[in-house]
Amino acid sequence: MGLVTYVVRRLLLLVPTMFGVTLLIFGLIQFFSPVERASLYVKDPRQMSSIESIIEKYHLNDPPYIQYIYWLNEVLHGNLGWSKSVNMPVAQAICEFLPATVELVIYSVPIIFVVGIWLGKISAVHKDTAIDHIVRAFAIIGWSLPTFWSAIILLAVFYGHLKIFPPERLSTEASLYVNSPSFIRYTRINTIDALLNGELWIFFDALRHLVLPVLNLTIVIVAILMRVVRSSMLEALSKTYVIAARAKGLSEKEVINKHAMRNAMIPAVTLAGALVAGMLTGLVITETVFNIPGIGRWAVNAAIQLDIPAVLGFALFASLVYVITNLVVDILYAYIDPRIRLR
């Protein structure tokens, strides 16, 4: 089976997976009465005329399978209900808060892969040396430190004490300029928009505000990824094909990078995909502590205010992100190890 065929097959599997997710979320909605479910779609649930028209429009008194068809049709058209916590439609709220989260992910993911794989590699190559002990100590500390505590420590040290890296997304001066008519918001991602507008001072201001949240997001994931890469690398270095490569007279650099590293990457890529998808949990905590108006902090506020449509909308969005991330991981896995395509 070729790579293209494998990718198409994996894409087709997304359909039943997301179908199952929508069934689960729809099942949760069924715990509410028709009146309560109708109130999810209106700005003011006290308007009984609106409630009655919503019940009739979405057939909320019909059998569940009829309701599901109408509900799924609305979801596919982007109508996820009304978020009372931010006073806007849920779909619009996701689009409003997503750029801040995407900006964190853009800078976190490369660091996670590059640093995690590099540390795991040098730790395995220099097994039982001082470098190995230092890297393993960092991994143990990073792995055992809760995201909430690491965020508090970073904020207390680098902002509270040293006054170097502040929280939030921008300084007051930069925020006022970014929200002025003279600044064009192409993507709503501050660093990218600053470059597109030619405003380097805003770019560096945004980068300075990203240091602590990005660092907090990457600490735990880098530590876990590093341990997996180290373990896989040690196993690969003991294989017969690596011994044969050394016997052929290949340099140690070639043996490590061309033979051992490729096979050691297989479990690392699988885990990395799960860890990146699991970043949503870290994003919720990081955005809340550092006061970043991202989708994670919005979800927390929605849960606190019992904003049911927003919570369900976030759950649907998070499920979609998780499924797509795993699809990318499956494709990378098949690319690294062609044997996977034959299964």
C-alpha atoms as a PDB file:
ATOM      1  CA  MET A   1       0.000   0.000   0.000  1.00  0.00           C
ATOM      2  CA  GLY A   2       1.416   3.404  -1.027  1.00  0.00           C
ATOM      3  CA  LEU A   3       1.595   6.416   1.241  1.00  0.00           C
ATOM      4  CA  VAL A   4      -1.165   8.243  -0.655  1.00  0.00           C
ATOM      5  CA  THR A   5      -3.540   5.283  -0.309  1.00  0.00           C
ATOM      6  CA  TYR A   6      -2.712   5.057   3.385  1.00  0.00           C
ATOM      7  CA  VAL A   7      -3.432   8.765   3.902  1.00  0.00           C
ATOM      8  CA  VAL A   8      -6.768   8.512   2.082  1.00  0.00           C
ATOM      9  CA  ARG A   9      -7.754   5.544   4.219  1.00  0.00           C
ATOM     10  CA  ARG A  10      -6.897   7.425   7.397  1.00  0.00           C
ATOM     11  CA  LEU A  11      -8.878  10.432   6.207  1.00  0.00           C
ATOM     12  CA  LEU A  12     -11.920   8.241   5.637  1.00  0.00           C
ATOM     13  CA  LEU A  13     -11.622   6.939   9.198  1.00  0.00           C
ATOM     14  CA  LEU A  14     -12.058  10.510  10.464  1.00  0.00           C
ATOM     15  CA  VAL A  15     -15.725  10.395   9.488  1.00  0.00           C
ATOM     16  CA  PRO A  16     -16.867   7.616  11.874  1.00  0.00           C
ATOM     17  CA  THR A  17     -14.598   9.007  14.610  1.00  0.00           C
ATOM     18  CA  MET A  18     -16.136  12.475  14.501  1.00  0.00           C
ATOM     19  CA  PHE A  19     -19.570  10.896  14.105  1.00  0.00           C
ATOM     20  CA  GLY A  20     -18.986   9.116  17.416  1.00  0.00           C
ATOM     21  CA  VAL A  21     -17.872  12.381  19.030  1.00  0.00           C
ATOM     22  CA  THR A  22     -21.019  14.189  17.901  1.00  0.00           C
ATOM     23  CA  LEU A  23     -23.158  11.318  19.215  1.00  0.00           C
ATOM     24  CA  LEU A  24     -21.467  11.587  22.609  1.00  0.00           C
ATOM     25  CA  ILE A  25     -21.934  15.353  22.830  1.00  0.00           C
ATOM     26  CA  PHE A  26     -25.542  15.066  21.616  1.00  0.00           C
ATOM     27  CA  GLY A  27     -26.118  12.411  24.284  1.00  0.00           C
ATOM     28  CA  LEU A  28     -24.948  14.858  26.953  1.00  0.00           C
ATOM     29  CA  ILE A  29     -27.404  17.448  25.680  1.00  0.00           C
ATOM     30  CA  GLN A  30     -30.249  14.976  26.129  1.00  0.00           C
ATOM     31  CA  PHE A  31     -29.974  15.321  29.910  1.00  0.00           C
ATOM     32  CA  PHE A  32     -31.611  18.749  29.527  1.00  0.00           C
ATOM     33  CA  SER A  33     -35.286  19.368  28.920  1.00  0.00           C
ATOM     34  CA  PRO A  34     -36.486  20.768  25.545  1.00  0.00           C
ATOM     35  CA  VAL A  35     -36.897  24.222  27.101  1.00  0.00           C
ATOM     36  CA  GLU A  36     -33.372  24.138  28.545  1.00  0.00           C
ATOM     37  CA  ARG A  37     -31.921  22.969  25.237  1.00  0.00           C
ATOM     38  CA  ALA A  38     -33.790  25.686  23.341  1.00  0.00           C
ATOM     39  CA  SER A  39     -32.334  28.307  25.676  1.00  0.00           C
ATOM     40  CA  LEU A  40     -28.861  27.321  24.461  1.00  0.00           C
ATOM     41  CA  TYR A  41     -29.593  29.002  21.123  1.00  0.00           C
ATOM     42  CA  VAL A  42     -31.058  32.322  22.296  1.00  0.00           C
ATOM     43  CA  LYS A  43     -29.452  35.412  23.778  1.00  0.00           C
ATOM     44  CA  ASP A  44     -32.152  35.921  26.415  1.00  0.00           C
ATOM     45  CA  PRO A  45     -33.878  32.683  27.551  1.00  0.00           C
ATOM     46  CA  ARG A  46     -36.540  34.759  29.320  1.00  0.00           C
ATOM     47  CA  GLN A  47     -38.108  35.456  25.945  1.00  0.00           C
ATOM     48  CA  MET A  48     -40.547  32.543  25.893  1.00  0.00           C
ATOM     49  CA  SER A  49     -41.668  33.290  22.344  1.00  0.00           C
ATOM     50  CA  SER A  50     -38.123  32.684  21.163  1.00  0.00           C
ATOM     51  CA  ILE A  51     -37.917  29.466  23.187  1.00  0.00           C
ATOM     52  CA  GLU A  52     -41.082  28.082  21.643  1.00  0.00           C
ATOM     53  CA  SER A  53     -39.944  28.907  18.104  1.00  0.00           C
ATOM     54  CA  ILE A  54     -36.566  27.258  18.754  1.00  0.00           C
ATOM     55  CA  ILE A  55     -38.239  24.088  20.050  1.00  0.00           C
ATOM     56  CA  GLU A  56     -40.338  23.943  16.905  1.00  0.00           C
ATOM     57  CA  LYS A  57     -37.433  24.808  14.571  1.00  0.00           C
ATOM     58  CA  TYR A  58     -35.084  22.133  15.938  1.00  0.00           C
ATOM     59  CA  HIS A  59     -37.821  19.558  16.633  1.00  0.00           C
ATOM     60  CA  LEU A  60     -36.784  19.267  20.285  1.00  0.00           C
ATOM     61  CA  ASN A  61     -39.984  17.411  21.164  1.00  0.00           C
ATOM     62  CA  ASP A  62     -39.410  14.806  18.448  1.00  0.00           C
ATOM     63  CA  PRO A  63     -37.645  11.440  18.916  1.00  0.00           C
ATOM     64  CA  PRO A  64     -33.899  11.696  19.612  1.00  0.00           C
ATOM     65  CA  TYR A  65     -32.797  10.529  16.156  1.00  0.00           C
ATOM     66  CA  ILE A  66     -34.842  13.317  14.536  1.00  0.00           C
ATOM     67  CA  GLN A  67     -33.361  15.838  16.966  1.00  0.00           C
ATOM     68  CA  TYR A  68     -29.859  14.579  16.193  1.00  0.00           C
ATOM     69  CA  ILE A  69     -30.305  15.144  12.456  1.00  0.00           C
ATOM     70  CA  TYR A  70     -31.385  18.746  12.971  1.00  0.00           C
ATOM     71  CA  TRP A  71     -28.723  19.372  15.636  1.00  0.00           C
ATOM     72  CA  LEU A  72     -25.962  17.926  13.426  1.00  0.00           C
ATOM     73  CA  ASN A  73     -27.129  20.084  10.529  1.00  0.00           C
ATOM     74  CA  GLU A  74     -26.761  23.180  12.713  1.00  0.00           C
ATOM     75  CA  VAL A  75     -23.295  22.076  13.902  1.00  0.00           C
ATOM     76  CA  LEU A  76     -22.134  21.547  10.315  1.00  0.00           C
ATOM     77  CA  HIS A  77     -23.329  25.080   9.508  1.00  0.00           C
ATOM     78  CA  GLY A  78     -21.375  26.509  12.463  1.00  0.00           C
ATOM     79  CA  ASN A  79     -24.320  27.105  14.783  1.00  0.00           C
ATOM     80  CA  LEU A  80     -23.110  25.798  18.156  1.00  0.00           C
ATOM     81  CA  GLY A  81     -25.404  27.949  20.264  1.00  0.00           C
ATOM     82  CA  TRP A  82     -25.012  31.202  22.168  1.00  0.00           C
ATOM     83  CA  SER A  83     -22.180  31.728  24.657  1.00  0.00           C
ATOM     84  CA  LYS A  84     -23.624  33.748  27.510  1.00  0.00           C
ATOM     85  CA  SER A  85     -20.240  34.170  29.199  1.00  0.00           C
ATOM     86  CA  VAL A  86     -18.941  36.355  26.352  1.00  0.00           C
ATOM     87  CA  ASN A  87     -22.290  37.348  24.834  1.00  0.00           C
ATOM     88  CA  MET A  88     -21.659  36.035  21.320  1.00  0.00           C
ATOM     89  CA  PRO A  89     -22.260  32.859  19.271  1.00  0.00           C
ATOM     90  CA  VAL A  90     -20.033  29.938  20.292  1.00  0.00           C
ATOM     91  CA  ALA A  91     -18.520  29.617  16.805  1.00  0.00           C
ATOM     92  CA  GLN A  92     -17.633  33.320  16.829  1.00  0.00           C
ATOM     93  CA  ALA A  93     -16.148  32.977  20.320  1.00  0.00           C
ATOM     94  CA  ILE A  94     -13.894  30.137  19.139  1.00  0.00           C
ATOM     95  CA  CYS A  95     -12.676  32.276  16.237  1.00  0.00           C
ATOM     96  CA  GLU A  96     -12.198  35.232  18.593  1.00  0.00           C
ATOM     97  CA  PHE A  97     -10.078  33.423  21.188  1.00  0.00           C
ATOM     98  CA  LEU A  98      -8.303  30.900  18.966  1.00  0.00           C
ATOM     99  CA  PRO A  99      -5.511  33.212  17.611  1.00  0.00           C
ATOM    100  CA  ALA A 100      -3.959  33.728  21.066  1.00  0.00           C
ATOM    101  CA  THR A 101      -3.879  29.969  21.585  1.00  0.00           C
ATOM    102  CA  VAL A 102      -2.499  29.312  18.096  1.00  0.00           C
ATOM    103  CA  GLU A 103       0.309  31.791  18.777  1.00  0.00           C
ATOM    104  CA  LEU A 104       1.327  29.851  21.874  1.00  0.00           C
ATOM    105  CA  VAL A 105       1.237  26.560  19.964  1.00  0.00           C
ATOM    106  CA  ILE A 106       3.239  27.968  17.020  1.00  0.00           C
ATOM    107  CA  TYR A 107       6.169  28.762  19.288  1.00  0.00           C
ATOM    108  CA  SER A 108       5.787  25.812  21.671  1.00  0.00           C
ATOM    109  CA  VAL A 109       5.610  22.853  19.272  1.00  0.00           C
ATOM    110  CA  PRO A 110       8.963  23.450  17.501  1.00  0.00           C
ATOM    111  CA  ILE A 111      10.680  23.848  20.879  1.00  0.00           C
ATOM    112  CA  ILE A 112       9.090  20.639  22.146  1.00  0.00           C
ATOM    113  CA  PHE A 113      10.280  18.578  19.176  1.00  0.00           C
ATOM    114  CA  VAL A 114      13.717  20.128  18.721  1.00  0.00           C
ATOM    115  CA  VAL A 115      14.725  20.318  22.388  1.00  0.00           C
ATOM    116  CA  GLY A 116      13.045  17.069  23.457  1.00  0.00           C
ATOM    117  CA  ILE A 117      14.583  14.987  20.671  1.00  0.00           C
ATOM    118  CA  TRP A 118      17.995  16.656  20.971  1.00  0.00           C
ATOM    119  CA  LEU A 119      18.196  16.156  24.743  1.00  0.00           C
ATOM    120  CA  GLY A 120      17.067  12.544  24.440  1.00  0.00           C
ATOM    121  CA  LYS A 121      19.646  11.907  21.743  1.00  0.00           C
ATOM    122  CA  ILE A 122      22.647  13.388  23.573  1.00  0.00           C
ATOM    123  CA  SER A 123      21.567  11.704  26.810  1.00  0.00           C
ATOM    124  CA  ALA A 124      21.552   8.288  25.100  1.00  0.00           C
ATOM    125  CA  VAL A 125      24.793   8.863  23.201  1.00  0.00           C
ATOM    126  CA  HIS A 126      26.550   9.989  26.402  1.00  0.00           C
ATOM    127  CA  LYS A 127      24.971   7.355  28.639  1.00  0.00           C
ATOM    128  CA  ASP A 128      26.060   7.365  32.304  1.00  0.00           C
ATOM    129  CA  THR A 129      28.163  10.509  31.865  1.00  0.00           C
ATOM    130  CA  ALA A 130      27.702  13.895  33.549  1.00  0.00           C
ATOM    131  CA  ILE A 131      25.637  15.116  30.560  1.00  0.00           C
ATOM    132  CA  ASP A 132      23.311  12.144  30.866  1.00  0.00           C
ATOM    133  CA  HIS A 133      22.825  12.673  34.607  1.00  0.00           C
ATOM    134  CA  ILE A 134      22.065  16.378  34.157  1.00  0.00           C
ATOM    135  CA  VAL A 135      19.535  15.756  31.381  1.00  0.00           C
ATOM    136  CA  ARG A 136      17.845  12.967  33.328  1.00  0.00           C
ATOM    137  CA  ALA A 137      17.636  15.183  36.426  1.00  0.00           C
ATOM    138  CA  PHE A 138      15.951  17.893  34.341  1.00  0.00           C
ATOM    139  CA  ALA A 139      13.513  15.288  32.974  1.00  0.00           C
ATOM    140  CA  ILE A 140      12.574  14.069  36.450  1.00  0.00           C
ATOM    141  CA  ILE A 141      11.991  17.611  37.728  1.00  0.00           C
ATOM    142  CA  GLY A 142      10.065  18.684  34.630  1.00  0.00           C
ATOM    143  CA  TRP A 143       7.941  15.547  34.589  1.00  0.00           C
ATOM    144  CA  SER A 144       7.006  15.731  38.268  1.00  0.00           C
ATOM    145  CA  LEU A 145       6.284  19.478  38.379  1.00  0.00           C
ATOM    146  CA  PRO A 146       2.560  20.293  37.935  1.00  0.00           C
ATOM    147  CA  THR A 147       1.854  22.819  35.179  1.00  0.00           C
ATOM    148  CA  PHE A 148       0.059  25.110  37.603  1.00  0.00           C
ATOM    149  CA  TRP A 149       3.009  25.232  39.995  1.00  0.00           C
ATOM    150  CA  SER A 150       5.571  25.774  37.255  1.00  0.00           C
ATOM    151  CA  ALA A 151       3.479  28.695  35.970  1.00  0.00           C
ATOM    152  CA  ILE A 152       3.336  30.273  39.436  1.00  0.00           C
ATOM    153  CA  ILE A 153       7.086  29.807  39.956  1.00  0.00           C
ATOM    154  CA  LEU A 154       7.976  31.288  36.555  1.00  0.00           C
ATOM    155  CA  LEU A 155       5.649  34.238  37.103  1.00  0.00           C
ATOM    156  CA  ALA A 156       6.959  34.907  40.621  1.00  0.00           C
ATOM    157  CA  VAL A 157      10.639  34.721  39.623  1.00  0.00           C
ATOM    158  CA  PHE A 158      10.790  36.329  36.176  1.00  0.00           C
ATOM    159  CA  TYR A 159       8.007  38.905  36.573  1.00  0.00           C
ATOM    160  CA  GLY A 160       7.454  39.397  40.287  1.00  0.00           C
ATOM    161  CA  HIS A 161      11.156  39.454  41.247  1.00  0.00           C
ATOM    162  CA  LEU A 162      13.274  40.103  38.144  1.00  0.00           C
ATOM    163  CA  LYS A 163      10.674  42.168  36.221  1.00  0.00           C
ATOM    164  CA  ILE A 164      11.881  40.702  32.913  1.00  0.00           C
ATOM    165  CA  PHE A 165       9.047  38.798  31.260  1.00  0.00           C
ATOM    166  CA  PRO A 166       5.520  40.086  31.939  1.00  0.00           C
ATOM    167  CA  PRO A 167       2.234  38.137  31.601  1.00  0.00           C
ATOM    168  CA  GLU A 168      -0.620  38.870  29.151  1.00  0.00           C
ATOM    169  CA  ARG A 169      -0.064  39.217  25.381  1.00  0.00           C
ATOM    170  CA  LEU A 170       1.196  42.786  25.008  1.00  0.00           C
ATOM    171  CA  SER A 171       2.246  45.814  27.019  1.00  0.00           C
ATOM    172  CA  THR A 172      -0.297  48.590  27.493  1.00  0.00           C
ATOM    173  CA  GLU A 173       1.342  50.813  24.875  1.00  0.00           C
ATOM    174  CA  ALA A 174       1.566  48.024  22.295  1.00  0.00           C
ATOM    175  CA  SER A 175      -2.002  46.885  23.011  1.00  0.00           C
ATOM    176  CA  LEU A 176      -3.361  50.390  22.413  1.00  0.00           C
ATOM    177  CA  TYR A 177      -1.513  50.645  19.102  1.00  0.00           C
ATOM    178  CA  VAL A 178      -2.547  47.152  17.957  1.00  0.00           C
ATOM    179  CA  ASN A 179      -6.215  47.977  18.612  1.00  0.00           C
ATOM    180  CA  SER A 180      -5.991  51.311  16.793  1.00  0.00           C
ATOM    181  CA  PRO A 181      -7.272  51.797  13.210  1.00  0.00           C
ATOM    182  CA  SER A 182      -3.720  52.274  11.898  1.00  0.00           C
ATOM    183  CA  PHE A 183      -2.794  48.666  12.737  1.00  0.00           C
ATOM    184  CA  ILE A 184      -4.280  46.017  10.424  1.00  0.00           C
ATOM    185  CA  ARG A 185      -5.187  42.718  12.114  1.00  0.00           C
ATOM    186  CA  TYR A 186      -4.534  40.214   9.330  1.00  0.00           C
ATOM    187  CA  THR A 187      -4.464  37.075  11.483  1.00  0.00           C
ATOM    188  CA  ARG A 188      -4.998  38.367  15.056  1.00  0.00           C
ATOM    189  CA  ILE A 189      -1.701  36.649  15.920  1.00  0.00           C
ATOM    190  CA  ASN A 190       0.361  39.511  17.332  1.00  0.00           C
ATOM    191  CA  THR A 191       3.838  38.450  16.207  1.00  0.00           C
ATOM    192  CA  ILE A 192       2.707  37.716  12.649  1.00  0.00           C
ATOM    193  CA  ASP A 193       0.569  40.854  12.361  1.00  0.00           C
ATOM    194  CA  ALA A 194       3.432  42.967  13.717  1.00  0.00           C
ATOM    195  CA  LEU A 195       5.745  41.703  10.957  1.00  0.00           C
ATOM    196  CA  LEU A 196       3.077  42.180   8.288  1.00  0.00           C
ATOM    197  CA  ASN A 197       2.570  45.763   9.487  1.00  0.00           C
ATOM    198  CA  GLY A 198       6.318  46.374   9.660  1.00  0.00           C
ATOM    199  CA  GLU A 199       6.185  47.142  13.389  1.00  0.00           C
ATOM    200  CA  LEU A 200       9.229  45.366  14.833  1.00  0.00           C
ATOM    201  CA  TRP A 201       8.825  46.912  18.279  1.00  0.00           C
ATOM    202  CA  ILE A 202       5.437  45.230  18.626  1.00  0.00           C
ATOM    203  CA  PHE A 203       6.940  41.949  17.399  1.00  0.00           C
ATOM    204  CA  PHE A 204       9.617  41.989  20.093  1.00  0.00           C
ATOM    205  CA  ASP A 205       7.110  43.158  22.700  1.00  0.00           C
ATOM    206  CA  ALA A 206       4.863  40.191  21.845  1.00  0.00           C
ATOM    207  CA  LEU A 207       7.831  37.805  21.931  1.00  0.00           C
ATOM    208  CA  ARG A 208       8.805  39.059  25.392  1.00  0.00           C
ATOM    209  CA  HIS A 209       5.297  38.336  26.647  1.00  0.00           C
ATOM    210  CA  LEU A 210       5.384  34.849  25.084  1.00  0.00           C
ATOM    211  CA  VAL A 211       8.540  33.680  26.866  1.00  0.00           C
ATOM    212  CA  LEU A 212       6.969  32.561  30.156  1.00  0.00           C
ATOM    213  CA  PRO A 213       3.785  30.896  28.818  1.00  0.00           C
ATOM    214  CA  VAL A 214       5.727  29.073  26.093  1.00  0.00           C
ATOM    215  CA  LEU A 215       8.333  27.953  28.601  1.00  0.00           C
ATOM    216  CA  ASN A 216       5.603  26.737  30.948  1.00  0.00           C
ATOM    217  CA  LEU A 217       3.903  24.780  28.160  1.00  0.00           C
ATOM    218  CA  THR A 218       7.093  23.082  27.018  1.00  0.00           C
ATOM    219  CA  ILE A 219       8.739  22.074  30.314  1.00  0.00           C
ATOM    220  CA  VAL A 220       6.625  18.997  31.079  1.00  0.00           C
ATOM    221  CA  ILE A 221       6.215  17.830  27.485  1.00  0.00           C
ATOM    222  CA  VAL A 222       9.933  18.196  26.684  1.00  0.00           C
ATOM    223  CA  ALA A 223      10.797  16.197  29.802  1.00  0.00           C
ATOM    224  CA  ILE A 224       8.478  13.326  28.842  1.00  0.00           C
ATOM    225  CA  LEU A 225       9.536  13.321  25.186  1.00  0.00           C
ATOM    226  CA  MET A 226      13.208  13.386  26.146  1.00  0.00           C
ATOM    227  CA  ARG A 227      12.840  10.273  28.309  1.00  0.00           C
ATOM    228  CA  VAL A 228      11.112   8.371  25.507  1.00  0.00           C
ATOM    229  CA  VAL A 229      13.695   9.402  22.898  1.00  0.00           C
ATOM    230  CA  ARG A 230      16.524   8.413  25.239  1.00  0.00           C
ATOM    231  CA  SER A 231      15.009   4.990  25.890  1.00  0.00           C
ATOM    232  CA  SER A 232      14.315   4.380  22.180  1.00  0.00           C
ATOM    233  CA  MET A 233      17.774   5.587  21.211  1.00  0.00           C
ATOM    234  CA  LEU A 234      19.491   3.288  23.713  1.00  0.00           C
ATOM    235  CA  GLU A 235      17.507   0.350  22.359  1.00  0.00           C
ATOM    236  CA  ALA A 236      18.338   1.281  18.746  1.00  0.00           C
ATOM    237  CA  LEU A 237      22.053   1.625  19.508  1.00  0.00           C
ATOM    238  CA  SER A 238      22.121  -1.952  20.768  1.00  0.00           C
ATOM    239  CA  LYS A 239      20.550  -3.423  17.616  1.00  0.00           C
ATOM    240  CA  THR A 240      22.569  -5.600  15.235  1.00  0.00           C
ATOM    241  CA  TYR A 241      22.144  -3.242  12.267  1.00  0.00           C
ATOM    242  CA  VAL A 242      23.867  -0.480  14.243  1.00  0.00           C
ATOM    243  CA  ILE A 243      26.687  -2.842  15.193  1.00  0.00           C
ATOM    244  CA  ALA A 244      26.978  -3.857  11.515  1.00  0.00           C
ATOM    245  CA  ALA A 245      27.087  -0.199  10.450  1.00  0.00           C
ATOM    246  CA  ARG A 246      29.956   0.430  12.834  1.00  0.00           C
ATOM    247  CA  ALA A 247      31.727  -2.695  11.565  1.00  0.00           C
ATOM    248  CA  LYS A 248      31.528  -1.299   8.018  1.00  0.00           C
ATOM    249  CA  GLY A 249      33.630   1.633   9.155  1.00  0.00           C
ATOM    250  CA  LEU A 250      30.901   4.299   9.169  1.00  0.00           C
ATOM    251  CA  SER A 251      31.551   7.328  11.341  1.00  0.00           C
ATOM    252  CA  GLU A 252      29.767   7.544  14.692  1.00  0.00           C
ATOM    253  CA  LYS A 253      27.808  10.551  13.397  1.00  0.00           C
ATOM    254  CA  GLU A 254      26.485   8.555  10.444  1.00  0.00           C
ATOM    255  CA  VAL A 255      25.643   5.580  12.640  1.00  0.00           C
ATOM    256  CA  ILE A 256      23.667   7.743  15.060  1.00  0.00           C
ATOM    257  CA  ASN A 257      21.889  10.053  12.622  1.00  0.00           C
ATOM    258  CA  LYS A 258      21.251   7.755   9.642  1.00  0.00           C
ATOM    259  CA  HIS A 259      20.671   4.411  11.339  1.00  0.00           C
ATOM    260  CA  ALA A 260      19.846   4.623  15.032  1.00  0.00           C
ATOM    261  CA  MET A 261      17.959   7.930  15.076  1.00  0.00           C
ATOM    262  CA  ARG A 262      15.446   7.040  12.364  1.00  0.00           C
ATOM    263  CA  ASN A 263      14.250   3.943  14.194  1.00  0.00           C
ATOM    264  CA  ALA A 264      14.344   5.655  17.579  1.00  0.00           C
ATOM    265  CA  MET A 265      11.979   8.314  16.227  1.00  0.00           C
ATOM    266  CA  ILE A 266       9.069   5.884  15.706  1.00  0.00           C
ATOM    267  CA  PRO A 267       7.838   5.682  19.340  1.00  0.00           C
ATOM    268  CA  ALA A 268       8.874   9.302  19.878  1.00  0.00           C
ATOM    269  CA  VAL A 269       6.638  10.561  17.056  1.00  0.00           C
ATOM    270  CA  THR A 270       3.698   8.532  18.366  1.00  0.00           C
ATOM    271  CA  LEU A 271       4.089   9.949  21.865  1.00  0.00           C
ATOM    272  CA  ALA A 272       4.774  13.481  20.629  1.00  0.00           C
ATOM    273  CA  GLY A 273       1.451  13.537  18.788  1.00  0.00           C
ATOM    274  CA  ALA A 274      -0.422  12.513  21.914  1.00  0.00           C
ATOM    275  CA  LEU A 275       1.490  15.072  23.980  1.00  0.00           C
ATOM    276  CA  VAL A 276       0.809  17.913  21.554  1.00  0.00           C
ATOM    277  CA  ALA A 277      -2.890  17.008  21.512  1.00  0.00           C
ATOM    278  CA  GLY A 278      -2.750  16.910  25.288  1.00  0.00           C
ATOM    279  CA  MET A 279      -1.399  20.463  25.305  1.00  0.00           C
ATOM    280  CA  LEU A 280      -5.007  21.617  25.564  1.00  0.00           C
ATOM    281  CA  THR A 281      -4.890  20.850  29.285  1.00  0.00           C
ATOM    282  CA  GLY A 282      -1.692  22.816  29.693  1.00  0.00           C
ATOM    283  CA  LEU A 283      -3.120  25.648  27.618  1.00  0.00           C
ATOM    284  CA  VAL A 284      -6.108  25.966  29.942  1.00  0.00           C
ATOM    285  CA  ILE A 285      -3.832  26.396  32.970  1.00  0.00           C
ATOM    286  CA  THR A 286      -1.200  28.519  31.219  1.00  0.00           C
ATOM    287  CA  GLU A 287      -3.677  30.957  29.686  1.00  0.00           C
ATOM    288  CA  THR A 288      -5.486  31.334  33.002  1.00  0.00           C
ATOM    289  CA  VAL A 289      -2.346  32.006  35.068  1.00  0.00           C
ATOM    290  CA  PHE A 290      -0.694  34.329  32.533  1.00  0.00           C
ATOM    291  CA  ASN A 291      -3.969  36.112  31.682  1.00  0.00           C
ATOM    292  CA  ILE A 292      -3.892  35.267  27.979  1.00  0.00           C
ATOM    293  CA  PRO A 293      -7.272  35.579  26.228  1.00  0.00           C
ATOM    294  CA  GLY A 294      -7.089  32.214  24.488  1.00  0.00           C
ATOM    295  CA  ILE A 295      -9.568  29.431  23.956  1.00  0.00           C
ATOM    296  CA  GLY A 296      -8.402  27.632  27.110  1.00  0.00           C
ATOM    297  CA  ARG A 297      -9.151  30.548  29.435  1.00  0.00           C
ATOM    298  CA  TRP A 298     -12.475  31.078  27.663  1.00  0.00           C
ATOM    299  CA  ALA A 299     -13.387  27.440  28.347  1.00  0.00           C
ATOM    300  CA  VAL A 300     -12.511  27.823  32.045  1.00  0.00           C
ATOM    301  CA  ASN A 301     -14.622  30.954  32.406  1.00  0.00           C
ATOM    302  CA  ALA A 302     -17.474  29.253  30.534  1.00  0.00           C
ATOM    303  CA  ALA A 303     -17.367  26.282  32.906  1.00  0.00           C
ATOM    304  CA  ILE A 304     -17.314  28.544  35.980  1.00  0.00           C
ATOM    305  CA  GLN A 305     -20.342  30.473  34.675  1.00  0.00           C
ATOM    306  CA  LEU A 306     -22.164  27.255  33.650  1.00  0.00           C
ATOM    307  CA  ASP A 307     -22.114  28.348  30.011  1.00  0.00           C
ATOM    308  CA  ILE A 308     -23.191  24.960  28.635  1.00  0.00           C
ATOM    309  CA  PRO A 309     -23.086  25.802  24.875  1.00  0.00           C
ATOM    310  CA  ALA A 310     -19.543  27.159  25.219  1.00  0.00           C
ATOM    311  CA  VAL A 311     -18.354  24.084  27.156  1.00  0.00           C
ATOM    312  CA  LEU A 312     -19.878  21.701  24.603  1.00  0.00           C
ATOM    313  CA  GLY A 313     -18.509  23.770  21.730  1.00  0.00           C
ATOM    314  CA  PHE A 314     -15.051  23.650  23.266  1.00  0.00           C
ATOM    315  CA  ALA A 315     -15.376  19.875  23.731  1.00  0.00           C
ATOM    316  CA  LEU A 316     -16.286  19.448  20.060  1.00  0.00           C
ATOM    317  CA  PHE A 317     -13.418  21.691  18.948  1.00  0.00           C
ATOM    318  CA  ALA A 318     -10.909  19.927  21.233  1.00  0.00           C
ATOM    319  CA  SER A 319     -12.027  16.544  19.863  1.00  0.00           C
ATOM    320  CA  LEU A 320     -11.492  17.759  16.312  1.00  0.00           C
ATOM    321  CA  VAL A 321      -7.996  19.014  17.164  1.00  0.00           C
ATOM    322  CA  TYR A 322      -7.141  15.708  18.827  1.00  0.00           C
ATOM    323  CA  VAL A 323      -8.362  13.654  15.854  1.00  0.00           C
ATOM    324  CA  ILE A 324      -6.496  15.793  13.306  1.00  0.00           C
ATOM    325  CA  THR A 325      -3.295  15.686  15.375  1.00  0.00           C
ATOM    326  CA  ASN A 326      -3.452  11.910  15.528  1.00  0.00           C
ATOM    327  CA  LEU A 327      -4.011  11.804  11.773  1.00  0.00           C
ATOM    328  CA  VAL A 328      -0.812  13.810  11.235  1.00  0.00           C
ATOM    329  CA  VAL A 329       1.036  11.479  13.612  1.00  0.00           C
ATOM    330  CA  ASP A 330      -0.224   8.406  11.725  1.00  0.00           C
ATOM    331  CA  ILE A 331       1.025   9.894   8.448  1.00  0.00           C
ATOM    332  CA  LEU A 332       4.449  10.693   9.927  1.00  0.00           C
ATOM    333  CA  TYR A 333       4.566   7.224  11.445  1.00  0.00           C
ATOM    334  CA  ALA A 334       3.869   5.630   8.063  1.00  0.00           C
ATOM    335  CA  TYR A 335       6.482   7.833   6.407  1.00  0.00           C
ATOM    336  CA  ILE A 336       9.182   6.895   8.928  1.00  0.00           C
ATOM    337  CA  ASP A 337       8.273   3.188   8.981  1.00  0.00           C
ATOM    338  CA  PRO A 338       6.800   2.028   5.616  1.00  0.00           C
ATOM    339  CA  ARG A 339       5.819  -1.309   7.188  1.00  0.00           C
ATOM    340  CA  ILE A 340       2.897   0.463   8.883  1.00  0.00           C
ATOM    341  CA  ARG A 341       1.218   1.039   5.501  1.00  0.00           C
ATOM    342  CA  LEU A 342       0.890  -2.710   4.958  1.00  0.00           C
ATOM    343  CA  ARG A 343      -1.190  -3.299   8.081  1.00  0.00           C
END
